[in-house]
Amino acid sequence: MIRWSKLRVNLAPLTMLGEPIQESLMLGLLNMWATNLLFSWDPIVFFLVHLLVWFLFDYLLLSIVQSKTLPFSKFEFAVAWLLRESMTYFIIAKAIMDPTVTWHDKRYRLKWGGAAEEIRTHYV
């Protein structure tokens, strides 16, 4: 997941400015604030319903794409989904701060535009 984020940061760096806003937690917080301000809805209920709907759509999409019984339970999916959603900002920060990736036992430094340069280690 971090390697893919590193590639996206270097392929299209400007998209990373908007990427954190598109994640379910941030959208939920922003929409929670907006619906409370505009309609005086309970923000906690709105946020929890938002997360539930997002989770259900992710599960439904995965089920459709796999087109067969998933090899894990709904509980296991829920735990993995919550972990992934809560780690999003850590993953983005790590991708921005460290431009190196490991691929097939080799290390590469990513450059802007998606170019990669192998990092050679010299043993003396």
C-alpha atoms as a PDB file:
ATOM      1  CA  MET A   1       0.000   0.000   0.000  1.00  0.00           C
ATOM      2  CA  ILE A   2       2.819   2.406   0.830  1.00  0.00           C
ATOM      3  CA  ARG A   3       4.711   1.529  -2.351  1.00  0.00           C
ATOM      4  CA  TRP A   4       1.622   2.309  -4.449  1.00  0.00           C
ATOM      5  CA  SER A   5       1.180   5.640  -2.644  1.00  0.00           C
ATOM      6  CA  LYS A   6       4.835   6.485  -3.256  1.00  0.00           C
ATOM      7  CA  LEU A   7       4.346   5.846  -6.964  1.00  0.00           C
ATOM      8  CA  ARG A   8       1.235   8.041  -7.062  1.00  0.00           C
ATOM      9  CA  VAL A   9       3.030  10.861  -5.207  1.00  0.00           C
ATOM     10  CA  ASN A  10       5.814  10.870  -7.773  1.00  0.00           C
ATOM     11  CA  LEU A  11       3.665  10.284 -10.854  1.00  0.00           C
ATOM     12  CA  ALA A  12       1.124  13.006 -10.086  1.00  0.00           C
ATOM     13  CA  PRO A  13       2.263  15.067  -7.093  1.00  0.00           C
ATOM     14  CA  LEU A  14      -0.531  17.639  -7.339  1.00  0.00           C
ATOM     15  CA  THR A  15      -3.191  14.971  -6.909  1.00  0.00           C
ATOM     16  CA  MET A  16      -1.798  14.234  -3.460  1.00  0.00           C
ATOM     17  CA  LEU A  17      -3.009  17.653  -2.330  1.00  0.00           C
ATOM     18  CA  GLY A  18      -6.603  16.568  -2.798  1.00  0.00           C
ATOM     19  CA  GLU A  19      -6.221  12.889  -2.019  1.00  0.00           C
ATOM     20  CA  PRO A  20      -6.481  13.117   1.781  1.00  0.00           C
ATOM     21  CA  ILE A  21      -9.796  14.972   1.470  1.00  0.00           C
ATOM     22  CA  GLN A  22     -11.278  12.117  -0.589  1.00  0.00           C
ATOM     23  CA  GLU A  23     -10.849   9.511   2.141  1.00  0.00           C
ATOM     24  CA  SER A  24     -13.861   8.284   4.102  1.00  0.00           C
ATOM     25  CA  LEU A  25     -12.795   9.629   7.501  1.00  0.00           C
ATOM     26  CA  MET A  26     -12.044  13.159   6.309  1.00  0.00           C
ATOM     27  CA  LEU A  27     -15.161  13.287   4.137  1.00  0.00           C
ATOM     28  CA  GLY A  28     -17.185  12.044   7.078  1.00  0.00           C
ATOM     29  CA  LEU A  29     -15.766  14.726   9.368  1.00  0.00           C
ATOM     30  CA  LEU A  30     -16.301  17.508   6.836  1.00  0.00           C
ATOM     31  CA  ASN A  31     -19.832  16.361   6.022  1.00  0.00           C
ATOM     32  CA  MET A  32     -20.584  15.897   9.705  1.00  0.00           C
ATOM     33  CA  TRP A  33     -19.637  19.519  10.332  1.00  0.00           C
ATOM     34  CA  ALA A  34     -21.578  20.763   7.285  1.00  0.00           C
ATOM     35  CA  THR A  35     -24.794  18.888   8.059  1.00  0.00           C
ATOM     36  CA  ASN A  36     -24.656  20.021  11.661  1.00  0.00           C
ATOM     37  CA  LEU A  37     -24.138  23.632  10.584  1.00  0.00           C
ATOM     38  CA  LEU A  38     -26.785  23.618   7.847  1.00  0.00           C
ATOM     39  CA  PHE A  39     -29.450  21.267   9.212  1.00  0.00           C
ATOM     40  CA  SER A  40     -28.574  20.892  12.919  1.00  0.00           C
ATOM     41  CA  TRP A  41     -28.302  17.116  12.510  1.00  0.00           C
ATOM     42  CA  ASP A  42     -26.565  15.145  15.235  1.00  0.00           C
ATOM     43  CA  PRO A  43     -22.925  15.040  14.040  1.00  0.00           C
ATOM     44  CA  ILE A  44     -21.997  11.748  15.729  1.00  0.00           C
ATOM     45  CA  VAL A  45     -24.987   9.890  14.265  1.00  0.00           C
ATOM     46  CA  PHE A  46     -24.264  11.355  10.824  1.00  0.00           C
ATOM     47  CA  PHE A  47     -20.589  10.340  11.027  1.00  0.00           C
ATOM     48  CA  LEU A  48     -21.400   6.776  12.118  1.00  0.00           C
ATOM     49  CA  VAL A  49     -24.031   6.358   9.387  1.00  0.00           C
ATOM     50  CA  HIS A  50     -21.572   7.792   6.857  1.00  0.00           C
ATOM     51  CA  LEU A  51     -18.929   5.225   7.868  1.00  0.00           C
ATOM     52  CA  LEU A  52     -21.460   2.385   7.824  1.00  0.00           C
ATOM     53  CA  VAL A  53     -22.655   3.271   4.315  1.00  0.00           C
ATOM     54  CA  TRP A  54     -19.062   3.663   3.068  1.00  0.00           C
ATOM     55  CA  PHE A  55     -18.148   0.283   4.604  1.00  0.00           C
ATOM     56  CA  LEU A  56     -21.180  -1.437   3.072  1.00  0.00           C
ATOM     57  CA  PHE A  57     -20.451  -0.010  -0.373  1.00  0.00           C
ATOM     58  CA  ASP A  58     -16.800  -1.128  -0.149  1.00  0.00           C
ATOM     59  CA  TYR A  59     -17.904  -4.627   0.868  1.00  0.00           C
ATOM     60  CA  LEU A  60     -20.511  -4.749  -1.891  1.00  0.00           C
ATOM     61  CA  LEU A  61     -18.028  -3.547  -4.504  1.00  0.00           C
ATOM     62  CA  LEU A  62     -15.472  -6.162  -3.434  1.00  0.00           C
ATOM     63  CA  SER A  63     -18.124  -8.890  -3.547  1.00  0.00           C
ATOM     64  CA  ILE A  64     -19.159  -7.867  -7.073  1.00  0.00           C
ATOM     65  CA  VAL A  65     -15.577  -7.646  -8.337  1.00  0.00           C
ATOM     66  CA  GLN A  66     -14.644 -11.034  -6.865  1.00  0.00           C
ATOM     67  CA  SER A  67     -17.907 -12.570  -8.204  1.00  0.00           C
ATOM     68  CA  LYS A  68     -17.623 -15.451  -5.738  1.00  0.00           C
ATOM     69  CA  THR A  69     -17.711 -16.042  -2.003  1.00  0.00           C
ATOM     70  CA  LEU A  70     -15.083 -13.958  -0.272  1.00  0.00           C
ATOM     71  CA  PRO A  71     -12.332 -15.956   1.520  1.00  0.00           C
ATOM     72  CA  PHE A  72     -12.837 -14.068   4.797  1.00  0.00           C
ATOM     73  CA  SER A  73     -15.675 -13.251   7.141  1.00  0.00           C
ATOM     74  CA  LYS A  74     -17.496  -9.940   7.322  1.00  0.00           C
ATOM     75  CA  PHE A  75     -15.884  -9.346  10.716  1.00  0.00           C
ATOM     76  CA  GLU A  76     -12.381  -9.861   9.291  1.00  0.00           C
ATOM     77  CA  PHE A  77     -13.236  -7.477   6.457  1.00  0.00           C
ATOM     78  CA  ALA A  78     -14.533  -4.895   8.955  1.00  0.00           C
ATOM     79  CA  VAL A  79     -11.324  -5.061  11.013  1.00  0.00           C
ATOM     80  CA  ALA A  80      -9.121  -4.786   7.908  1.00  0.00           C
ATOM     81  CA  TRP A  81     -11.267  -1.953   6.528  1.00  0.00           C
ATOM     82  CA  LEU A  82     -11.084   0.047   9.772  1.00  0.00           C
ATOM     83  CA  LEU A  83      -7.319  -0.472   9.949  1.00  0.00           C
ATOM     84  CA  ARG A  84      -6.809   0.656   6.366  1.00  0.00           C
ATOM     85  CA  GLU A  85      -9.056   3.693   6.738  1.00  0.00           C
ATOM     86  CA  SER A  86      -7.380   4.779   9.974  1.00  0.00           C
ATOM     87  CA  MET A  87      -3.861   4.340   8.528  1.00  0.00           C
ATOM     88  CA  THR A  88      -4.490   6.381   5.377  1.00  0.00           C
ATOM     89  CA  TYR A  89      -2.812   9.564   6.593  1.00  0.00           C
ATOM     90  CA  PHE A  90       0.204   7.671   7.929  1.00  0.00           C
ATOM     91  CA  ILE A  91       0.571   5.951   4.541  1.00  0.00           C
ATOM     92  CA  ILE A  92       0.365   9.255   2.648  1.00  0.00           C
ATOM     93  CA  ALA A  93       2.870  10.939   5.000  1.00  0.00           C
ATOM     94  CA  LYS A  94       5.318   8.031   4.676  1.00  0.00           C
ATOM     95  CA  ALA A  95       4.967   8.067   0.890  1.00  0.00           C
ATOM     96  CA  ILE A  96       5.804  11.768   0.773  1.00  0.00           C
ATOM     97  CA  MET A  97       8.748  11.625   3.194  1.00  0.00           C
ATOM     98  CA  ASP A  98      10.533   8.529   1.848  1.00  0.00           C
ATOM     99  CA  PRO A  99      10.836   8.246  -1.957  1.00  0.00           C
ATOM    100  CA  THR A 100      12.537   4.818  -1.963  1.00  0.00           C
ATOM    101  CA  VAL A 101      10.819   1.528  -2.804  1.00  0.00           C
ATOM    102  CA  THR A 102      11.967  -2.075  -2.715  1.00  0.00           C
ATOM    103  CA  TRP A 103      11.049  -4.276  -5.636  1.00  0.00           C
ATOM    104  CA  HIS A 104      12.389  -7.805  -6.235  1.00  0.00           C
ATOM    105  CA  ASP A 105      15.180  -7.403  -3.657  1.00  0.00           C
ATOM    106  CA  LYS A 106      16.372  -4.149  -5.234  1.00  0.00           C
ATOM    107  CA  ARG A 107      15.945  -0.617  -3.899  1.00  0.00           C
ATOM    108  CA  TYR A 108      14.899   2.277  -6.112  1.00  0.00           C
ATOM    109  CA  ARG A 109      14.631   6.025  -5.565  1.00  0.00           C
ATOM    110  CA  LEU A 110      11.554   7.484  -7.214  1.00  0.00           C
ATOM    111  CA  LYS A 111      11.841  10.774  -9.063  1.00  0.00           C
ATOM    112  CA  TRP A 112       9.177  13.213 -10.200  1.00  0.00           C
ATOM    113  CA  GLY A 113       7.271  11.977 -13.223  1.00  0.00           C
ATOM    114  CA  GLY A 114       7.517   8.337 -12.185  1.00  0.00           C
ATOM    115  CA  ALA A 115      11.120   7.666 -13.175  1.00  0.00           C
ATOM    116  CA  ALA A 116      13.034   5.328 -10.881  1.00  0.00           C
ATOM    117  CA  GLU A 117      16.757   5.040 -10.266  1.00  0.00           C
ATOM    118  CA  GLU A 118      18.265   1.925  -8.720  1.00  0.00           C
ATOM    119  CA  ILE A 119      20.136   2.519  -5.477  1.00  0.00           C
ATOM    120  CA  ARG A 120      23.326   0.540  -5.688  1.00  0.00           C
ATOM    121  CA  THR A 121      25.065  -0.401  -2.495  1.00  0.00           C
ATOM    122  CA  HIS A 122      28.777  -0.950  -2.752  1.00  0.00           C
ATOM    123  CA  TYR A 123      30.253  -3.484  -0.382  1.00  0.00           C
ATOM    124  CA  VAL A 124      33.899  -3.011   0.447  1.00  0.00           C
END
